Amino acid sequence: MTRRIITAGTLCLGLLSSLTALSPAALADSAVVRVRGTIESIEGDHVTIKPRIGQAVSVKFADAMRVAAASKAEIGDIKPDSYIGTAATPQADGTLKALEVAVFAPSMRGTGDGHYPWDLEKESTMTNGAVGALAGTSGRTITVTYKGGEKTISVPEDVPIVALNPSDTSVIKVGARVVAITKADAAGAIVADRMIVGENGTVPPM
């Protein structure tokens, strides 16, 4: 069966069988849960994801699941006007300290724009926006501008930096690290409408 996969606003066709759509009502009524872990198996319309702690989780693909691939990047890949997302923790001086940074492909610009609470760590936040100034040693202090605000974020040397690019289900492989953004459908199944999959051992952000 030919089905449609949406990647960062660009439509492409993928060949997958027996895929179940997530109904609009289910999307509206259930809470978003991010399932982070390693893909243990792939079977038909779902994958099994083993979190670092806890039991494995079976996750179905939504009918129009968006897929992004994460690959390793460096601080030098963050340039003025790059569009990035960064989980971070607040500092006493009002700035943020990054926990991880994702550099989006140009076609993904605008993804998740804003500054809001995140579930990676206690009091952590997510800031997605355009890079303005780069300052400090090796450009590790950055200004990120989003609709309605701006944040100054420091990026320690040990913080992982990844590049995100639109992809398709071909990157979903056993052993890959993954973050699935899921909701429960009316039958209680866990269904992903977005997946970020690490390539070549990369741990995806968020």
N, C-alpha and C. Protein backbone atom coordinates (compact mmCIF):
# COMPACT_ATOMS: atom_id res chain seq x y z
N MET A 1 0.84 -1.19 0.00
CA MET A 1 0.00 0.00 0.00
C MET A 1 0.87 1.22 0.00
N THR A 2 0.57 2.16 -0.85
CA THR A 2 1.32 3.41 -0.90
C THR A 2 0.70 4.39 0.08
N ARG A 3 1.54 4.98 0.93
CA ARG A 3 1.02 5.93 1.90
C ARG A 3 1.84 7.19 1.87
N ARG A 4 1.30 8.25 2.40
CA ARG A 4 1.94 9.55 2.37
C ARG A 4 2.69 9.80 3.66
N ILE A 5 3.91 10.24 3.54
CA ILE A 5 4.71 10.62 4.70
C ILE A 5 5.08 12.08 4.54
N ILE A 6 4.80 12.90 5.55
CA ILE A 6 5.07 14.32 5.49
C ILE A 6 6.36 14.60 6.24
N THR A 7 7.33 15.19 5.59
CA THR A 7 8.60 15.53 6.25
C THR A 7 8.83 17.02 6.10
N ALA A 8 8.66 17.74 7.26
CA ALA A 8 8.93 19.17 7.32
C ALA A 8 8.23 19.93 6.21
N GLY A 9 6.97 19.62 5.99
CA GLY A 9 6.19 20.37 5.03
C GLY A 9 6.36 19.90 3.61
N THR A 10 7.26 18.97 3.34
CA THR A 10 7.48 18.45 2.00
C THR A 10 6.86 17.08 1.90
N LEU A 11 6.04 16.83 0.86
CA LEU A 11 5.38 15.54 0.73
C LEU A 11 6.25 14.59 -0.06
N CYS A 12 6.33 13.34 0.41
CA CYS A 12 6.99 12.30 -0.36
C CYS A 12 6.19 11.03 -0.18
N LEU A 13 6.39 10.05 -1.05
CA LEU A 13 5.65 8.80 -0.98
C LEU A 13 6.52 7.72 -0.39
N GLY A 14 5.95 6.91 0.50
CA GLY A 14 6.66 5.78 1.08
C GLY A 14 5.82 4.54 0.91
N LEU A 15 6.44 3.38 0.84
CA LEU A 15 5.73 2.12 0.73
C LEU A 15 5.77 1.40 2.06
N LEU A 16 4.62 1.43 2.77
CA LEU A 16 4.49 0.72 4.03
C LEU A 16 3.13 0.03 4.02
N SER A 17 3.01 -1.08 4.71
CA SER A 17 1.76 -1.82 4.71
C SER A 17 1.06 -1.75 6.06
N SER A 18 -0.25 -1.88 6.02
CA SER A 18 -1.10 -2.05 7.21
C SER A 18 -0.89 -0.97 8.24
N LEU A 19 -0.93 0.30 7.84
CA LEU A 19 -0.71 1.40 8.77
C LEU A 19 -2.04 1.98 9.24
N THR A 20 -2.15 2.26 10.54
CA THR A 20 -3.39 2.73 11.13
C THR A 20 -3.31 4.21 11.39
N ALA A 21 -4.32 4.97 10.97
CA ALA A 21 -4.33 6.41 11.15
C ALA A 21 -4.75 6.76 12.57
N LEU A 22 -4.22 7.86 13.06
CA LEU A 22 -4.63 8.40 14.34
C LEU A 22 -5.77 9.37 14.08
N SER A 23 -6.93 9.14 14.69
CA SER A 23 -8.10 9.96 14.40
C SER A 23 -7.94 11.35 14.97
N PRO A 24 -8.57 12.37 14.34
CA PRO A 24 -8.49 13.73 14.88
C PRO A 24 -9.00 13.82 16.32
N ALA A 25 -10.06 13.04 16.63
CA ALA A 25 -10.59 13.08 17.99
C ALA A 25 -9.58 12.57 19.00
N ALA A 26 -8.88 11.49 18.64
CA ALA A 26 -7.87 10.94 19.55
C ALA A 26 -6.72 11.91 19.73
N LEU A 27 -6.31 12.55 18.64
CA LEU A 27 -5.23 13.53 18.74
C LEU A 27 -5.60 14.66 19.68
N ALA A 28 -6.86 15.08 19.62
CA ALA A 28 -7.30 16.22 20.42
C ALA A 28 -7.40 15.86 21.89
N ASP A 29 -7.80 14.60 22.20
CA ASP A 29 -8.14 14.24 23.57
C ASP A 29 -7.00 13.65 24.38
N SER A 30 -5.93 13.18 23.75
CA SER A 30 -4.87 12.52 24.50
C SER A 30 -3.65 13.42 24.63
N ALA A 31 -2.85 13.13 25.66
CA ALA A 31 -1.67 13.95 25.93
C ALA A 31 -0.48 13.46 25.10
N VAL A 32 0.39 14.41 24.75
CA VAL A 32 1.61 14.06 24.03
C VAL A 32 2.60 13.40 24.99
N VAL A 33 3.17 12.27 24.55
CA VAL A 33 4.20 11.58 25.33
C VAL A 33 5.39 11.33 24.41
N ARG A 34 6.58 11.71 24.86
CA ARG A 34 7.80 11.48 24.08
C ARG A 34 8.43 10.17 24.54
N VAL A 35 8.51 9.22 23.64
CA VAL A 35 9.10 7.92 23.94
C VAL A 35 10.53 7.93 23.42
N ARG A 36 11.50 7.89 24.35
CA ARG A 36 12.91 7.97 23.99
C ARG A 36 13.58 6.62 24.26
N GLY A 37 14.36 6.12 23.30
CA GLY A 37 15.04 4.86 23.54
C GLY A 37 15.68 4.30 22.28
N THR A 38 15.82 2.98 22.24
CA THR A 38 16.46 2.27 21.13
C THR A 38 15.44 1.36 20.47
N ILE A 39 15.43 1.35 19.14
CA ILE A 39 14.50 0.49 18.42
C ILE A 39 14.94 -0.97 18.56
N GLU A 40 14.07 -1.78 19.18
CA GLU A 40 14.36 -3.20 19.38
C GLU A 40 13.90 -4.05 18.21
N SER A 41 12.76 -3.71 17.63
CA SER A 41 12.22 -4.49 16.52
C SER A 41 11.28 -3.64 15.68
N ILE A 42 11.10 -4.07 14.44
CA ILE A 42 10.19 -3.41 13.51
C ILE A 42 9.30 -4.50 12.92
N GLU A 43 8.00 -4.30 13.02
CA GLU A 43 7.09 -5.32 12.50
C GLU A 43 5.84 -4.66 11.96
N GLY A 44 5.65 -4.74 10.63
CA GLY A 44 4.44 -4.20 10.02
C GLY A 44 4.27 -2.73 10.31
N ASP A 45 3.25 -2.41 11.09
CA ASP A 45 2.87 -1.01 11.30
C ASP A 45 3.38 -0.42 12.60
N HIS A 46 4.38 -1.06 13.22
CA HIS A 46 4.85 -0.51 14.48
C HIS A 46 6.30 -0.89 14.76
N VAL A 47 6.88 -0.16 15.72
CA VAL A 47 8.21 -0.50 16.23
C VAL A 47 8.11 -0.75 17.72
N THR A 48 9.06 -1.50 18.25
CA THR A 48 9.19 -1.65 19.69
C THR A 48 10.41 -0.86 20.13
N ILE A 49 10.20 0.05 21.09
CA ILE A 49 11.26 0.94 21.56
C ILE A 49 11.58 0.58 23.01
N LYS A 50 12.86 0.35 23.28
CA LYS A 50 13.32 0.05 24.65
C LYS A 50 13.90 1.31 25.27
N PRO A 51 13.21 1.91 26.26
CA PRO A 51 13.77 3.07 26.95
C PRO A 51 15.00 2.69 27.76
N ARG A 52 15.76 3.68 28.18
CA ARG A 52 16.94 3.42 29.00
C ARG A 52 16.53 2.77 30.32
N ILE A 53 15.38 3.20 30.85
CA ILE A 53 14.85 2.62 32.08
C ILE A 53 13.40 2.23 31.81
N GLY A 54 13.03 1.04 32.25
CA GLY A 54 11.63 0.63 32.11
C GLY A 54 11.42 -0.37 30.99
N GLN A 55 10.16 -0.74 30.81
CA GLN A 55 9.79 -1.76 29.86
C GLN A 55 9.72 -1.23 28.44
N ALA A 56 9.87 -2.15 27.47
CA ALA A 56 9.76 -1.78 26.06
C ALA A 56 8.34 -1.30 25.75
N VAL A 57 8.25 -0.42 24.76
CA VAL A 57 6.97 0.18 24.38
C VAL A 57 6.71 -0.07 22.90
N SER A 58 5.50 -0.54 22.59
CA SER A 58 5.11 -0.74 21.19
C SER A 58 4.48 0.55 20.68
N VAL A 59 5.02 1.06 19.56
CA VAL A 59 4.58 2.34 19.00
C VAL A 59 4.16 2.15 17.56
N LYS A 60 2.91 2.53 17.25
CA LYS A 60 2.41 2.47 15.88
C LYS A 60 2.80 3.72 15.11
N PHE A 61 2.85 3.60 13.78
CA PHE A 61 3.04 4.76 12.91
C PHE A 61 1.69 5.39 12.59
N ALA A 62 1.58 6.69 12.74
CA ALA A 62 0.39 7.40 12.27
C ALA A 62 0.37 7.38 10.75
N ASP A 63 -0.77 7.64 10.18
CA ASP A 63 -0.93 7.56 8.73
C ASP A 63 -0.04 8.54 7.98
N ALA A 64 0.19 9.71 8.57
CA ALA A 64 1.03 10.73 7.91
C ALA A 64 2.19 11.10 8.82
N MET A 65 2.91 10.10 9.30
CA MET A 65 4.00 10.32 10.24
C MET A 65 5.13 11.11 9.58
N ARG A 66 5.60 12.11 10.30
CA ARG A 66 6.76 12.88 9.84
C ARG A 66 8.02 12.29 10.45
N VAL A 67 9.06 12.19 9.64
CA VAL A 67 10.31 11.58 10.08
C VAL A 67 11.46 12.55 9.85
N ALA A 68 12.32 12.70 10.85
CA ALA A 68 13.55 13.48 10.70
C ALA A 68 14.73 12.60 11.10
N ALA A 69 15.86 12.80 10.44
CA ALA A 69 17.08 12.06 10.75
C ALA A 69 18.04 12.98 11.50
N ALA A 70 18.65 12.45 12.56
CA ALA A 70 19.62 13.20 13.35
C ALA A 70 21.02 12.66 13.10
N SER A 71 21.95 13.56 12.82
CA SER A 71 23.35 13.18 12.63
C SER A 71 24.22 14.11 13.46
N LYS A 72 25.44 13.68 13.72
CA LYS A 72 26.33 14.46 14.58
C LYS A 72 26.71 15.78 13.91
N ALA A 73 26.80 16.83 14.72
CA ALA A 73 27.19 18.16 14.24
C ALA A 73 28.18 18.76 15.23
N GLU A 74 28.70 19.92 14.89
CA GLU A 74 29.70 20.61 15.71
C GLU A 74 29.23 22.03 16.00
N ILE A 75 29.89 22.67 16.97
CA ILE A 75 29.53 24.04 17.32
C ILE A 75 29.68 24.97 16.11
N GLY A 76 30.62 24.66 15.23
CA GLY A 76 30.82 25.49 14.03
C GLY A 76 29.67 25.43 13.05
N ASP A 77 28.78 24.43 13.20
CA ASP A 77 27.61 24.34 12.34
C ASP A 77 26.51 25.31 12.75
N ILE A 78 26.66 25.90 13.92
CA ILE A 78 25.71 26.91 14.38
C ILE A 78 26.23 28.27 13.93
N LYS A 79 25.52 28.90 13.02
CA LYS A 79 25.95 30.17 12.43
C LYS A 79 24.86 31.22 12.61
N PRO A 80 25.21 32.52 12.46
CA PRO A 80 24.15 33.53 12.50
C PRO A 80 23.04 33.19 11.51
N ASP A 81 21.82 33.27 11.97
CA ASP A 81 20.60 32.98 11.22
C ASP A 81 20.32 31.49 11.07
N SER A 82 21.16 30.60 11.65
CA SER A 82 20.78 29.19 11.71
C SER A 82 19.49 29.08 12.52
N TYR A 83 18.66 28.10 12.18
CA TYR A 83 17.47 27.84 12.98
C TYR A 83 17.75 26.63 13.86
N ILE A 84 17.64 26.82 15.18
CA ILE A 84 18.02 25.76 16.11
C ILE A 84 16.92 25.51 17.14
N GLY A 85 17.03 24.37 17.80
CA GLY A 85 16.23 24.08 18.98
C GLY A 85 17.17 23.63 20.08
N THR A 86 16.93 24.10 21.29
CA THR A 86 17.82 23.71 22.38
C THR A 86 17.07 23.52 23.68
N ALA A 87 17.20 22.33 24.25
CA ALA A 87 16.74 22.11 25.62
C ALA A 87 17.79 22.73 26.54
N ALA A 88 17.33 23.36 27.61
CA ALA A 88 18.26 24.10 28.46
C ALA A 88 17.71 24.21 29.88
N THR A 89 18.59 24.61 30.79
CA THR A 89 18.19 24.86 32.17
C THR A 89 18.47 26.32 32.52
N PRO A 90 17.61 26.93 33.36
CA PRO A 90 17.80 28.35 33.71
C PRO A 90 18.99 28.56 34.61
N GLN A 91 19.66 29.70 34.44
CA GLN A 91 20.80 30.09 35.27
C GLN A 91 20.42 31.29 36.14
N ALA A 92 21.18 31.52 37.19
CA ALA A 92 20.87 32.59 38.14
C ALA A 92 20.84 33.97 37.50
N ASP A 93 21.63 34.17 36.43
CA ASP A 93 21.70 35.48 35.79
C ASP A 93 20.62 35.68 34.73
N GLY A 94 19.70 34.74 34.61
CA GLY A 94 18.62 34.87 33.65
C GLY A 94 18.90 34.26 32.29
N THR A 95 20.13 33.80 32.08
CA THR A 95 20.45 33.12 30.83
C THR A 95 20.10 31.63 30.95
N LEU A 96 20.34 30.90 29.89
CA LEU A 96 20.08 29.47 29.86
C LEU A 96 21.36 28.70 29.56
N LYS A 97 21.48 27.49 30.10
CA LYS A 97 22.60 26.61 29.78
C LYS A 97 22.05 25.42 29.00
N ALA A 98 22.57 25.22 27.79
CA ALA A 98 22.06 24.18 26.92
C ALA A 98 22.33 22.79 27.46
N LEU A 99 21.37 21.90 27.28
CA LEU A 99 21.55 20.48 27.57
C LEU A 99 21.81 19.71 26.29
N GLU A 100 21.33 20.23 25.17
CA GLU A 100 21.52 19.66 23.84
C GLU A 100 21.10 20.72 22.83
N VAL A 101 21.62 20.62 21.62
CA VAL A 101 21.28 21.58 20.57
C VAL A 101 21.01 20.83 19.27
N ALA A 102 19.94 21.18 18.60
CA ALA A 102 19.63 20.63 17.28
C ALA A 102 19.66 21.76 16.26
N VAL A 103 20.39 21.54 15.18
CA VAL A 103 20.47 22.52 14.09
C VAL A 103 19.56 22.02 12.97
N PHE A 104 18.48 22.75 12.69
CA PHE A 104 17.50 22.31 11.71
C PHE A 104 17.95 22.60 10.29
N ALA A 105 17.60 21.70 9.37
CA ALA A 105 17.79 21.97 7.94
C ALA A 105 16.95 23.18 7.55
N PRO A 106 17.37 23.94 6.52
CA PRO A 106 16.61 25.13 6.12
C PRO A 106 15.13 24.86 5.85
N SER A 107 14.82 23.68 5.30
CA SER A 107 13.42 23.37 4.99
C SER A 107 12.58 23.13 6.25
N MET A 108 13.25 22.97 7.41
CA MET A 108 12.53 22.75 8.66
C MET A 108 12.45 24.02 9.50
N ARG A 109 12.86 25.12 8.94
CA ARG A 109 12.85 26.40 9.65
C ARG A 109 11.44 26.71 10.15
N GLY A 110 11.35 27.16 11.38
CA GLY A 110 10.05 27.48 11.97
C GLY A 110 9.49 26.37 12.84
N THR A 111 10.10 25.19 12.82
CA THR A 111 9.62 24.07 13.62
C THR A 111 9.60 24.42 15.11
N GLY A 112 8.45 24.31 15.73
CA GLY A 112 8.32 24.50 17.18
C GLY A 112 8.75 25.86 17.68
N ASP A 113 8.65 26.90 16.86
CA ASP A 113 9.16 28.23 17.23
C ASP A 113 8.60 28.68 18.58
N GLY A 114 9.48 29.13 19.47
CA GLY A 114 9.05 29.64 20.76
C GLY A 114 9.92 29.17 21.91
N HIS A 115 9.47 29.51 23.11
CA HIS A 115 10.18 29.14 24.35
C HIS A 115 9.13 28.60 25.31
N TYR A 116 9.33 27.35 25.79
CA TYR A 116 8.29 26.71 26.59
C TYR A 116 8.89 25.61 27.47
N PRO A 117 8.14 25.16 28.49
CA PRO A 117 8.65 24.10 29.38
C PRO A 117 8.92 22.81 28.60
N TRP A 118 9.88 22.02 29.13
CA TRP A 118 10.25 20.75 28.49
C TRP A 118 10.39 19.68 29.54
N ASP A 119 10.40 18.41 29.12
CA ASP A 119 10.38 17.31 30.08
C ASP A 119 11.70 16.56 30.17
N LEU A 120 12.79 17.16 29.70
CA LEU A 120 14.07 16.45 29.71
C LEU A 120 14.69 16.39 31.10
N GLU A 121 14.48 17.45 31.87
CA GLU A 121 15.08 17.58 33.20
C GLU A 121 14.22 18.53 34.00
N LYS A 122 14.33 18.50 35.32
CA LYS A 122 13.55 19.41 36.15
C LYS A 122 13.83 20.86 35.77
N GLU A 123 12.76 21.63 35.55
CA GLU A 123 12.81 23.05 35.18
C GLU A 123 13.42 23.28 33.81
N SER A 124 13.60 22.24 33.02
CA SER A 124 14.18 22.46 31.69
C SER A 124 13.17 23.11 30.75
N THR A 125 13.69 23.78 29.74
CA THR A 125 12.88 24.46 28.75
C THR A 125 13.35 24.07 27.34
N MET A 126 12.52 24.37 26.36
CA MET A 126 12.90 24.22 24.96
C MET A 126 12.79 25.60 24.31
N THR A 127 13.83 25.99 23.58
CA THR A 127 13.82 27.24 22.84
C THR A 127 14.14 26.96 21.39
N ASN A 128 13.21 27.24 20.50
CA ASN A 128 13.41 27.08 19.07
C ASN A 128 13.33 28.45 18.41
N GLY A 129 14.35 28.78 17.64
CA GLY A 129 14.34 30.08 16.98
C GLY A 129 15.59 30.28 16.14
N ALA A 130 15.74 31.50 15.66
CA ALA A 130 16.86 31.86 14.78
C ALA A 130 18.02 32.40 15.60
N VAL A 131 19.21 31.99 15.25
CA VAL A 131 20.41 32.46 15.94
C VAL A 131 20.72 33.88 15.50
N GLY A 132 20.95 34.74 16.50
CA GLY A 132 21.36 36.10 16.22
C GLY A 132 22.86 36.21 16.43
N ALA A 133 23.27 36.77 17.57
CA ALA A 133 24.69 36.95 17.85
C ALA A 133 25.34 35.67 18.33
N LEU A 134 26.62 35.50 17.98
CA LEU A 134 27.47 34.44 18.53
C LEU A 134 28.59 35.13 19.28
N ALA A 135 28.83 34.72 20.52
CA ALA A 135 29.85 35.39 21.32
C ALA A 135 30.56 34.37 22.19
N GLY A 136 31.51 34.86 22.99
CA GLY A 136 32.22 33.99 23.91
C GLY A 136 33.26 33.13 23.21
N THR A 137 33.90 32.27 24.01
CA THR A 137 34.93 31.39 23.48
C THR A 137 34.35 30.44 22.45
N SER A 138 34.88 30.47 21.24
CA SER A 138 34.45 29.58 20.15
C SER A 138 32.96 29.72 19.82
N GLY A 139 32.40 30.90 20.07
CA GLY A 139 31.01 31.13 19.72
C GLY A 139 30.03 30.31 20.51
N ARG A 140 30.35 30.02 21.77
CA ARG A 140 29.49 29.15 22.57
C ARG A 140 28.44 29.89 23.39
N THR A 141 28.35 31.18 23.24
CA THR A 141 27.24 31.94 23.81
C THR A 141 26.43 32.48 22.65
N ILE A 142 25.17 32.08 22.57
CA ILE A 142 24.37 32.43 21.40
C ILE A 142 23.07 33.11 21.83
N THR A 143 22.60 33.98 20.97
CA THR A 143 21.30 34.62 21.16
C THR A 143 20.32 33.98 20.21
N VAL A 144 19.19 33.53 20.74
CA VAL A 144 18.17 32.87 19.93
C VAL A 144 16.90 33.72 19.98
N THR A 145 16.42 34.11 18.80
CA THR A 145 15.23 34.94 18.69
C THR A 145 14.07 34.12 18.14
N TYR A 146 12.95 34.23 18.80
CA TYR A 146 11.73 33.53 18.39
C TYR A 146 10.58 34.54 18.43
N LYS A 147 9.43 34.14 17.93
CA LYS A 147 8.29 35.05 17.91
C LYS A 147 7.91 35.44 19.33
N GLY A 148 8.07 36.70 19.65
CA GLY A 148 7.70 37.20 20.96
C GLY A 148 8.80 37.25 21.99
N GLY A 149 10.04 36.90 21.61
CA GLY A 149 11.08 36.95 22.62
C GLY A 149 12.46 36.59 22.13
N GLU A 150 13.39 36.55 23.09
CA GLU A 150 14.80 36.28 22.79
C GLU A 150 15.45 35.70 24.04
N LYS A 151 16.35 34.74 23.86
CA LYS A 151 17.07 34.14 24.97
C LYS A 151 18.56 34.08 24.67
N THR A 152 19.37 34.25 25.71
CA THR A 152 20.81 34.06 25.61
C THR A 152 21.14 32.69 26.19
N ILE A 153 21.85 31.89 25.42
CA ILE A 153 22.09 30.50 25.79
C ILE A 153 23.58 30.19 25.67
N SER A 154 24.14 29.59 26.72
CA SER A 154 25.53 29.13 26.66
C SER A 154 25.52 27.64 26.32
N VAL A 155 26.50 27.23 25.52
CA VAL A 155 26.59 25.84 25.07
C VAL A 155 27.90 25.25 25.59
N PRO A 156 27.88 24.52 26.69
CA PRO A 156 29.12 23.91 27.21
C PRO A 156 29.75 22.96 26.20
N GLU A 157 31.04 22.72 26.34
CA GLU A 157 31.77 21.90 25.37
C GLU A 157 31.30 20.45 25.35
N ASP A 158 30.73 19.96 26.45
CA ASP A 158 30.31 18.56 26.49
C ASP A 158 28.85 18.35 26.06
N VAL A 159 28.19 19.42 25.61
CA VAL A 159 26.79 19.31 25.21
C VAL A 159 26.68 18.74 23.80
N PRO A 160 25.84 17.71 23.58
CA PRO A 160 25.70 17.15 22.24
C PRO A 160 25.02 18.11 21.28
N ILE A 161 25.54 18.16 20.05
CA ILE A 161 24.96 18.99 18.98
C ILE A 161 24.67 18.08 17.80
N VAL A 162 23.46 18.15 17.28
CA VAL A 162 23.09 17.30 16.16
C VAL A 162 22.48 18.15 15.05
N ALA A 163 22.54 17.62 13.83
CA ALA A 163 21.86 18.23 12.68
C ALA A 163 20.60 17.43 12.41
N LEU A 164 19.49 18.12 12.15
CA LEU A 164 18.23 17.47 11.82
C LEU A 164 17.86 17.74 10.37
N ASN A 165 17.52 16.68 9.64
CA ASN A 165 17.13 16.80 8.24
C ASN A 165 15.87 16.00 7.98
N PRO A 166 15.00 16.48 7.08
CA PRO A 166 13.81 15.71 6.73
C PRO A 166 14.22 14.36 6.17
N SER A 167 13.47 13.32 6.50
CA SER A 167 13.80 11.99 6.03
C SER A 167 12.52 11.19 5.82
N ASP A 168 12.66 9.86 5.79
CA ASP A 168 11.50 8.99 5.64
C ASP A 168 11.74 7.72 6.46
N THR A 169 10.86 6.75 6.31
CA THR A 169 10.94 5.56 7.16
C THR A 169 12.14 4.67 6.88
N SER A 170 12.90 4.96 5.83
CA SER A 170 14.08 4.14 5.54
C SER A 170 15.14 4.25 6.64
N VAL A 171 15.09 5.32 7.45
CA VAL A 171 16.08 5.49 8.52
C VAL A 171 15.67 4.78 9.80
N ILE A 172 14.45 4.25 9.85
CA ILE A 172 13.97 3.54 11.03
C ILE A 172 14.52 2.12 10.99
N LYS A 173 15.52 1.86 11.80
CA LYS A 173 16.23 0.58 11.77
C LYS A 173 16.43 0.04 13.18
N VAL A 174 16.49 -1.28 13.29
CA VAL A 174 16.78 -1.91 14.58
C VAL A 174 18.14 -1.42 15.09
N GLY A 175 18.18 -1.03 16.35
CA GLY A 175 19.41 -0.54 16.95
C GLY A 175 19.56 0.96 16.93
N ALA A 176 18.75 1.65 16.12
CA ALA A 176 18.83 3.11 16.05
C ALA A 176 18.21 3.73 17.30
N ARG A 177 18.79 4.82 17.75
CA ARG A 177 18.20 5.59 18.84
C ARG A 177 17.10 6.46 18.26
N VAL A 178 16.03 6.66 19.03
CA VAL A 178 14.86 7.33 18.48
C VAL A 178 14.13 8.12 19.56
N VAL A 179 13.49 9.19 19.13
CA VAL A 179 12.49 9.88 19.95
C VAL A 179 11.19 9.86 19.15
N ALA A 180 10.17 9.24 19.71
CA ALA A 180 8.86 9.19 19.07
C ALA A 180 7.91 10.12 19.82
N ILE A 181 7.28 11.02 19.10
CA ILE A 181 6.31 11.94 19.71
C ILE A 181 4.94 11.31 19.50
N THR A 182 4.32 10.88 20.58
CA THR A 182 3.17 9.99 20.49
C THR A 182 1.94 10.53 21.22
N LYS A 183 0.80 9.96 20.86
CA LYS A 183 -0.45 10.10 21.60
C LYS A 183 -1.17 8.75 21.59
N ALA A 184 -2.06 8.56 22.54
CA ALA A 184 -2.86 7.34 22.57
C ALA A 184 -4.09 7.51 21.69
N ASP A 185 -4.43 6.46 20.91
CA ASP A 185 -5.64 6.53 20.11
C ASP A 185 -6.84 6.04 20.93
N ALA A 186 -8.01 5.97 20.31
CA ALA A 186 -9.22 5.62 21.04
C ALA A 186 -9.17 4.23 21.63
N ALA A 187 -8.36 3.35 21.03
CA ALA A 187 -8.25 1.97 21.53
C ALA A 187 -7.14 1.82 22.57
N GLY A 188 -6.42 2.92 22.85
CA GLY A 188 -5.34 2.86 23.83
C GLY A 188 -3.98 2.57 23.27
N ALA A 189 -3.88 2.38 21.94
CA ALA A 189 -2.57 2.14 21.32
C ALA A 189 -1.75 3.43 21.32
N ILE A 190 -0.43 3.29 21.42
CA ILE A 190 0.48 4.45 21.38
C ILE A 190 0.86 4.68 19.92
N VAL A 191 0.56 5.87 19.42
CA VAL A 191 0.72 6.17 17.99
C VAL A 191 1.62 7.38 17.82
N ALA A 192 2.63 7.26 16.95
CA ALA A 192 3.59 8.34 16.70
C ALA A 192 3.20 9.11 15.44
N ASP A 193 3.07 10.42 15.57
CA ASP A 193 2.89 11.22 14.36
C ASP A 193 4.20 11.88 13.94
N ARG A 194 5.23 11.79 14.83
CA ARG A 194 6.57 12.27 14.48
C ARG A 194 7.61 11.34 15.08
N MET A 195 8.71 11.14 14.36
CA MET A 195 9.85 10.40 14.88
C MET A 195 11.14 11.10 14.48
N ILE A 196 12.07 11.17 15.43
CA ILE A 196 13.41 11.64 15.15
C ILE A 196 14.33 10.45 15.37
N VAL A 197 15.03 10.05 14.32
CA VAL A 197 15.83 8.83 14.34
C VAL A 197 17.31 9.17 14.18
N GLY A 198 18.14 8.64 15.07
CA GLY A 198 19.57 8.88 14.99
C GLY A 198 20.23 8.00 13.93
N GLU A 199 21.13 8.58 13.15
CA GLU A 199 21.89 7.83 12.15
C GLU A 199 23.30 7.58 12.66
N ASN A 200 23.85 6.40 12.34
CA ASN A 200 25.24 6.06 12.68
C ASN A 200 25.55 6.23 14.16
N GLY A 201 24.60 5.81 14.98
CA GLY A 201 24.81 5.85 16.42
C GLY A 201 24.49 7.17 17.09
N THR A 202 24.03 8.16 16.34
CA THR A 202 23.70 9.46 16.91
C THR A 202 22.49 9.35 17.82
N VAL A 203 22.57 10.00 18.97
CA VAL A 203 21.42 10.07 19.88
C VAL A 203 20.61 11.30 19.50
N PRO A 204 19.35 11.13 19.10
CA PRO A 204 18.56 12.29 18.67
C PRO A 204 18.24 13.20 19.83
N PRO A 205 17.96 14.48 19.55
CA PRO A 205 17.65 15.44 20.61
C PRO A 205 16.22 15.31 21.09
N MET A 206 15.93 15.93 22.18
CA MET A 206 14.60 16.12 22.74
C MET A 206 14.07 14.88 23.41
